[in-house]
Amino acid sequence: MQRAQEELTLLAQLPDAAIDLPRAALAISRLFQPTLDADRSLRRFESLCIAAVSSVPREADLTHRVRALNRFLFDQEGFGGNLEDFYDPRNSFLDQVLERRTGIPISLSLIYVEVARQVGIPAFGVGFPGHFLVRVAAGDAMLVLDPFSRGASLDLEDLDRRLDDVYGCGVLTVAANPALLRPATRREILVRMLANLKVIFLRDGDLGQALIAVDGLLALQPDSPDDLRDRGLIYRELGYTPAAAADLRRYLQVSDDAAEIAELMPVLAELEAAGVRVH
């Protein structure tokens, strides 16, 4: 686990374009599965890409190439969204998704994007609200795809309906907010994967695993207010009083959420009263 944490810390220092996304995703998997053979999983992924090259014609137009890639990934290889147990943590572990052929939107999108690039399809992940998607573009043509739904193509009406589900009817539209479809950076993808895991483990009351997820998040974004707050509160629940106080003090320094700062100041005072020296 320490080695995987160190790898994430090193990744955080790289320019975004230099991050090897499959390898980084496997570093996340190894945080929770210390005995994972990441090289074996990478070879499995490389074999998938090689097989895709012979299944997706490069000379066809974009729509036909996307259809061929969809047939390869979802019909031939059997990838699909895990509808039965969406919150299974394994849906976020790249090695498990490759082995079990099931995942959640972001893990399936990662695979889709990386395989698409290997076959010459210009694809990018999109951190769409509530549901990670894939955007494919070439010239004037653009498609928005949902790998969780077997690569279904979504038009503006489909996307706006999804926004309605998150924000309420008509509050937000893609036409008025085109940045909603901007390509996600590789670091943003890793952060979202870890954030999903944090939510899953907190939901299940597994504070030890949630702490591992937050440590990973803070390796990628060291002064993230939300993650400093969450780690501080997790430490508090686990009885690590000095560590809890240190994180909450740092949170108060970097956060601009006045209401939450006011709410957490008594918590910090309580921790310090328990014997933590004030700095």
Protein backbone atom coordinates (compact mmCIF):
# COMPACT_ATOMS: atom_id res chain seq x y z
CA MET A 1 0.00 0.00 0.00
CA GLN A 2 2.86 2.37 0.85
CA ARG A 3 4.46 1.74 -2.55
CA ALA A 4 1.18 2.53 -4.33
CA GLN A 5 0.77 5.69 -2.23
CA GLU A 6 4.30 6.78 -3.18
CA GLU A 7 3.50 6.12 -6.84
CA LEU A 8 0.44 8.38 -6.64
CA THR A 9 2.52 11.08 -4.96
CA LEU A 10 5.03 10.91 -7.82
CA LEU A 11 2.21 11.04 -10.38
CA ALA A 12 0.92 14.22 -8.80
CA GLN A 13 4.21 15.91 -9.67
CA LEU A 14 4.02 15.04 -13.37
CA PRO A 15 2.51 17.19 -16.14
CA ASP A 16 -0.96 15.87 -16.86
CA ALA A 17 -0.04 14.61 -20.35
CA ALA A 18 2.78 12.52 -18.87
CA ILE A 19 0.47 10.50 -16.61
CA ASP A 20 0.03 6.90 -17.80
CA LEU A 21 -3.66 6.58 -16.98
CA PRO A 22 -3.99 2.76 -16.91
CA ARG A 23 -0.89 2.43 -14.76
CA ALA A 24 -2.11 5.20 -12.45
CA ALA A 25 -5.54 3.56 -12.15
CA LEU A 26 -3.82 0.32 -11.18
CA ALA A 27 -1.87 2.21 -8.52
CA ILE A 28 -5.26 3.13 -7.07
CA SER A 29 -6.32 -0.51 -7.21
CA ARG A 30 -3.13 -1.49 -5.38
CA LEU A 31 -3.89 0.90 -2.53
CA PHE A 32 -6.73 -1.45 -1.58
CA GLN A 33 -5.18 -4.67 -2.90
CA PRO A 34 -1.52 -4.59 -1.83
CA THR A 35 -0.69 -7.96 -3.42
CA LEU A 36 -2.02 -6.95 -6.85
CA ASP A 37 0.28 -7.82 -9.76
CA ALA A 38 -0.08 -4.56 -11.68
CA ASP A 39 2.19 -5.70 -14.52
CA ARG A 40 -0.05 -8.70 -15.15
CA SER A 41 -3.09 -6.42 -15.34
CA LEU A 42 -1.27 -4.09 -17.72
CA ARG A 43 -0.48 -7.03 -19.99
CA ARG A 44 -4.16 -8.00 -19.94
CA PHE A 45 -5.06 -4.45 -20.93
CA GLU A 46 -2.45 -4.38 -23.70
CA SER A 47 -3.85 -7.64 -25.08
CA LEU A 48 -7.30 -6.04 -25.16
CA CYS A 49 -5.93 -3.10 -27.15
CA ILE A 50 -4.14 -5.38 -29.60
CA ALA A 51 -7.34 -7.34 -30.20
CA ALA A 52 -9.25 -4.09 -30.76
CA VAL A 53 -6.86 -2.99 -33.51
CA SER A 54 -7.88 -5.93 -35.68
CA SER A 55 -11.60 -5.33 -35.01
CA VAL A 56 -11.92 -1.60 -35.69
CA PRO A 57 -11.25 -0.37 -39.26
CA ARG A 58 -9.18 2.82 -39.48
CA GLU A 59 -10.39 3.79 -42.95
CA ALA A 60 -14.11 4.03 -42.09
CA ASP A 61 -15.83 7.22 -40.98
CA LEU A 62 -16.06 8.11 -37.29
CA THR A 63 -19.56 6.72 -36.73
CA HIS A 64 -18.71 3.35 -38.26
CA ARG A 65 -15.48 3.09 -36.27
CA VAL A 66 -17.34 3.86 -33.03
CA ARG A 67 -19.93 1.21 -33.84
CA ALA A 68 -17.15 -1.29 -34.48
CA LEU A 69 -15.49 -0.41 -31.18
CA ASN A 70 -18.81 -0.78 -29.37
CA ARG A 71 -19.32 -4.22 -30.91
CA PHE A 72 -15.82 -5.22 -29.87
CA LEU A 73 -16.01 -4.01 -26.27
CA PHE A 74 -19.63 -4.75 -25.39
CA ASP A 75 -20.65 -7.65 -27.65
CA GLN A 76 -17.39 -9.50 -28.22
CA GLU A 77 -15.56 -8.77 -24.97
CA GLY A 78 -18.66 -8.51 -22.77
CA PHE A 79 -18.01 -5.27 -20.89
CA GLY A 80 -21.03 -3.65 -19.27
CA GLY A 81 -22.31 -1.60 -16.38
CA ASN A 82 -22.81 -3.33 -13.04
CA LEU A 83 -26.52 -2.79 -12.53
CA GLU A 84 -26.83 -5.40 -9.79
CA ASP A 85 -24.25 -3.95 -7.38
CA PHE A 86 -23.30 -0.45 -8.48
CA TYR A 87 -21.52 0.34 -5.19
CA ASP A 88 -19.26 -2.69 -5.17
CA PRO A 89 -15.74 -1.19 -4.76
CA ARG A 90 -14.41 -3.64 -7.33
CA ASN A 91 -16.25 -1.64 -9.99
CA SER A 92 -13.63 1.07 -9.44
CA PHE A 93 -10.56 -1.19 -9.55
CA LEU A 94 -9.21 -1.39 -13.10
CA ASP A 95 -7.80 -4.89 -12.64
CA GLN A 96 -11.18 -6.16 -11.41
CA VAL A 97 -13.09 -4.45 -14.22
CA LEU A 98 -10.78 -6.06 -16.77
CA GLU A 99 -11.23 -9.45 -15.13
CA ARG A 100 -14.95 -9.32 -14.34
CA ARG A 101 -15.97 -7.25 -17.40
CA THR A 102 -18.25 -5.04 -15.32
CA GLY A 103 -17.82 -1.60 -13.79
CA ILE A 104 -19.25 1.86 -13.24
CA PRO A 105 -19.28 4.81 -15.67
CA ILE A 106 -15.81 6.14 -14.91
CA SER A 107 -13.95 2.81 -14.97
CA LEU A 108 -15.67 1.71 -18.18
CA SER A 109 -15.05 5.15 -19.71
CA LEU A 110 -11.35 4.90 -18.86
CA ILE A 111 -11.13 1.59 -20.69
CA TYR A 112 -13.17 2.93 -23.60
CA VAL A 113 -11.00 6.04 -24.01
CA GLU A 114 -7.70 4.21 -23.80
CA VAL A 115 -8.74 1.46 -26.23
CA ALA A 116 -10.25 4.05 -28.59
CA ARG A 117 -6.97 5.92 -28.76
CA GLN A 118 -5.14 2.72 -29.65
CA VAL A 119 -7.40 2.21 -32.67
CA GLY A 120 -7.18 5.82 -33.85
CA ILE A 121 -10.45 7.16 -32.44
CA PRO A 122 -9.99 10.56 -30.74
CA ALA A 123 -11.81 10.00 -27.45
CA PHE A 124 -11.80 11.86 -24.13
CA GLY A 125 -13.39 11.33 -20.76
CA VAL A 126 -16.01 13.87 -19.70
CA GLY A 127 -16.73 14.54 -16.03
CA PHE A 128 -20.42 15.10 -16.68
CA PRO A 129 -22.47 15.78 -13.53
CA GLY A 130 -23.64 12.57 -11.93
CA HIS A 131 -22.38 10.22 -14.63
CA PHE A 132 -18.98 10.05 -16.33
CA LEU A 133 -19.17 9.95 -20.15
CA VAL A 134 -16.96 9.78 -23.24
CA ARG A 135 -16.70 12.39 -25.96
CA VAL A 136 -15.48 11.45 -29.43
CA ALA A 137 -14.67 14.16 -31.96
CA ALA A 138 -13.15 14.35 -35.43
CA GLY A 139 -13.49 17.46 -37.60
CA ASP A 140 -17.04 18.72 -37.33
CA ALA A 141 -18.34 15.42 -36.00
CA MET A 142 -18.84 14.89 -32.27
CA LEU A 143 -20.45 12.06 -30.37
CA VAL A 144 -21.15 11.77 -26.65
CA LEU A 145 -21.23 8.16 -25.51
CA ASP A 146 -22.19 6.30 -22.36
CA PRO A 147 -19.98 3.21 -21.89
CA PHE A 148 -22.05 2.20 -18.86
CA SER A 149 -24.95 1.73 -21.30
CA ARG A 150 -22.96 -0.20 -23.92
CA GLY A 151 -21.70 2.92 -25.67
CA ALA A 152 -25.13 4.47 -26.26
CA SER A 153 -24.93 7.78 -28.14
CA LEU A 154 -26.51 10.75 -26.33
CA ASP A 155 -27.90 13.86 -28.01
CA LEU A 156 -28.41 17.25 -26.35
CA GLU A 157 -31.91 16.34 -25.19
CA ASP A 158 -30.61 13.19 -23.53
CA LEU A 159 -27.86 15.15 -21.79
CA ASP A 160 -30.25 17.86 -20.63
CA ARG A 161 -32.58 15.24 -19.16
CA ARG A 162 -29.66 13.91 -17.16
CA LEU A 163 -28.92 17.42 -15.92
CA ASP A 164 -32.58 17.75 -14.91
CA ASP A 165 -32.17 14.62 -12.78
CA VAL A 166 -29.23 16.19 -10.94
CA TYR A 167 -30.18 19.87 -10.68
CA GLY A 168 -33.91 20.08 -11.39
CA CYS A 169 -35.86 20.69 -14.56
CA GLY A 170 -34.39 23.43 -16.77
CA VAL A 171 -31.84 24.69 -14.22
CA LEU A 172 -28.87 23.79 -16.41
CA THR A 173 -28.49 22.97 -20.12
CA VAL A 174 -25.55 21.87 -22.22
CA ALA A 175 -26.21 24.56 -24.83
CA ALA A 176 -25.84 27.28 -22.20
CA ASN A 177 -22.92 25.51 -20.49
CA PRO A 178 -20.74 23.83 -23.16
CA ALA A 179 -17.90 23.46 -20.65
CA LEU A 180 -19.88 20.55 -19.20
CA LEU A 181 -18.53 18.52 -22.14
CA ARG A 182 -14.90 19.60 -21.85
CA PRO A 183 -12.34 16.78 -21.74
CA ALA A 184 -11.42 15.74 -18.21
CA THR A 185 -7.73 15.83 -17.36
CA ARG A 186 -6.06 12.58 -16.39
CA ARG A 187 -5.58 13.85 -12.85
CA GLU A 188 -9.28 14.73 -12.64
CA ILE A 189 -10.16 11.18 -13.67
CA LEU A 190 -7.97 9.70 -10.93
CA VAL A 191 -9.41 12.10 -8.37
CA ARG A 192 -12.97 11.18 -9.35
CA MET A 193 -12.17 7.46 -9.08
CA LEU A 194 -10.81 7.92 -5.57
CA ALA A 195 -13.66 10.24 -4.60
CA ASN A 196 -16.15 7.54 -5.65
CA LEU A 197 -14.32 5.02 -3.46
CA LYS A 198 -14.29 7.44 -0.53
CA VAL A 199 -18.06 7.85 -0.80
CA ILE A 200 -18.60 4.08 -1.07
CA PHE A 201 -16.50 3.26 2.00
CA LEU A 202 -17.98 6.07 4.10
CA ARG A 203 -21.44 4.88 3.06
CA ASP A 204 -20.53 1.38 4.27
CA GLY A 205 -18.97 2.68 7.50
CA ASP A 206 -15.55 1.28 6.56
CA LEU A 207 -13.40 4.08 7.94
CA GLY A 208 -10.11 2.25 7.39
CA GLN A 209 -10.70 1.92 3.65
CA ALA A 210 -12.15 5.42 3.46
CA LEU A 211 -8.93 6.71 5.05
CA ILE A 212 -6.88 4.97 2.35
CA ALA A 213 -9.01 6.66 -0.33
CA VAL A 214 -8.62 10.09 1.26
CA ASP A 215 -4.87 9.61 1.60
CA GLY A 216 -4.80 8.91 -2.14
CA LEU A 217 -6.84 12.01 -2.88
CA LEU A 218 -4.52 14.18 -0.82
CA ALA A 219 -1.51 12.70 -2.60
CA LEU A 220 -3.00 13.99 -5.87
CA GLN A 221 -4.30 17.32 -4.46
CA PRO A 222 -2.56 18.04 -1.17
CA ASP A 223 -4.59 21.06 -0.06
CA SER A 224 -8.05 19.89 -1.09
CA PRO A 225 -10.29 21.41 1.62
CA ASP A 226 -12.96 18.72 1.40
CA ASP A 227 -10.44 15.91 1.74
CA LEU A 228 -8.56 17.57 4.59
CA ARG A 229 -11.88 17.96 6.38
CA ASP A 230 -12.92 14.39 5.70
CA ARG A 231 -9.59 12.91 6.73
CA GLY A 232 -9.60 14.99 9.89
CA LEU A 233 -13.05 13.74 10.81
CA ILE A 234 -12.11 10.15 9.98
CA TYR A 235 -9.02 10.43 12.19
CA ARG A 236 -11.24 11.82 14.94
CA GLU A 237 -13.60 8.83 14.68
CA LEU A 238 -10.64 6.43 14.75
CA GLY A 239 -9.18 8.12 17.82
CA TYR A 240 -6.11 9.63 16.15
CA THR A 241 -6.49 12.97 17.89
CA PRO A 242 -3.22 14.74 16.91
CA ALA A 243 -3.63 13.80 13.23
CA ALA A 244 -7.28 14.89 13.28
CA ALA A 245 -6.38 18.25 14.76
CA ALA A 246 -3.56 18.80 12.26
CA ASP A 247 -5.86 18.16 9.28
CA LEU A 248 -8.64 20.36 10.62
CA ARG A 249 -6.21 23.19 11.36
CA ARG A 250 -4.98 23.00 7.78
CA TYR A 251 -8.58 22.87 6.55
CA LEU A 252 -9.33 26.14 8.35
CA GLN A 253 -6.35 27.72 6.58
CA VAL A 254 -7.29 26.71 3.03
CA SER A 255 -11.11 26.61 3.05
CA ASP A 256 -13.30 29.55 2.06
CA ASP A 257 -16.55 27.95 3.30
CA ALA A 258 -17.41 30.29 6.17
CA ALA A 259 -20.39 28.26 7.37
CA GLU A 260 -18.44 25.03 7.55
CA ILE A 261 -15.45 26.73 9.15
CA ALA A 262 -17.74 27.99 11.89
CA GLU A 263 -19.14 24.48 12.35
CA LEU A 264 -15.72 22.84 12.60
CA MET A 265 -14.01 25.33 14.90
CA PRO A 266 -15.65 23.84 18.03
CA VAL A 267 -14.60 20.36 16.83
CA LEU A 268 -11.00 21.51 16.59
CA ALA A 269 -11.25 23.18 20.00
CA GLU A 270 -12.53 19.90 21.44
CA LEU A 271 -9.57 18.02 19.95
CA GLU A 272 -7.10 20.55 21.27
CA ALA A 273 -8.70 20.45 24.69
CA ALA A 274 -8.09 16.71 24.66
CA GLY A 275 -4.36 17.40 24.80
CA VAL A 276 -3.26 18.60 21.40
CA ARG A 277 -0.84 21.52 21.60
CA VAL A 278 -2.03 24.67 19.79
CA HIS A 279 0.38 25.83 17.06
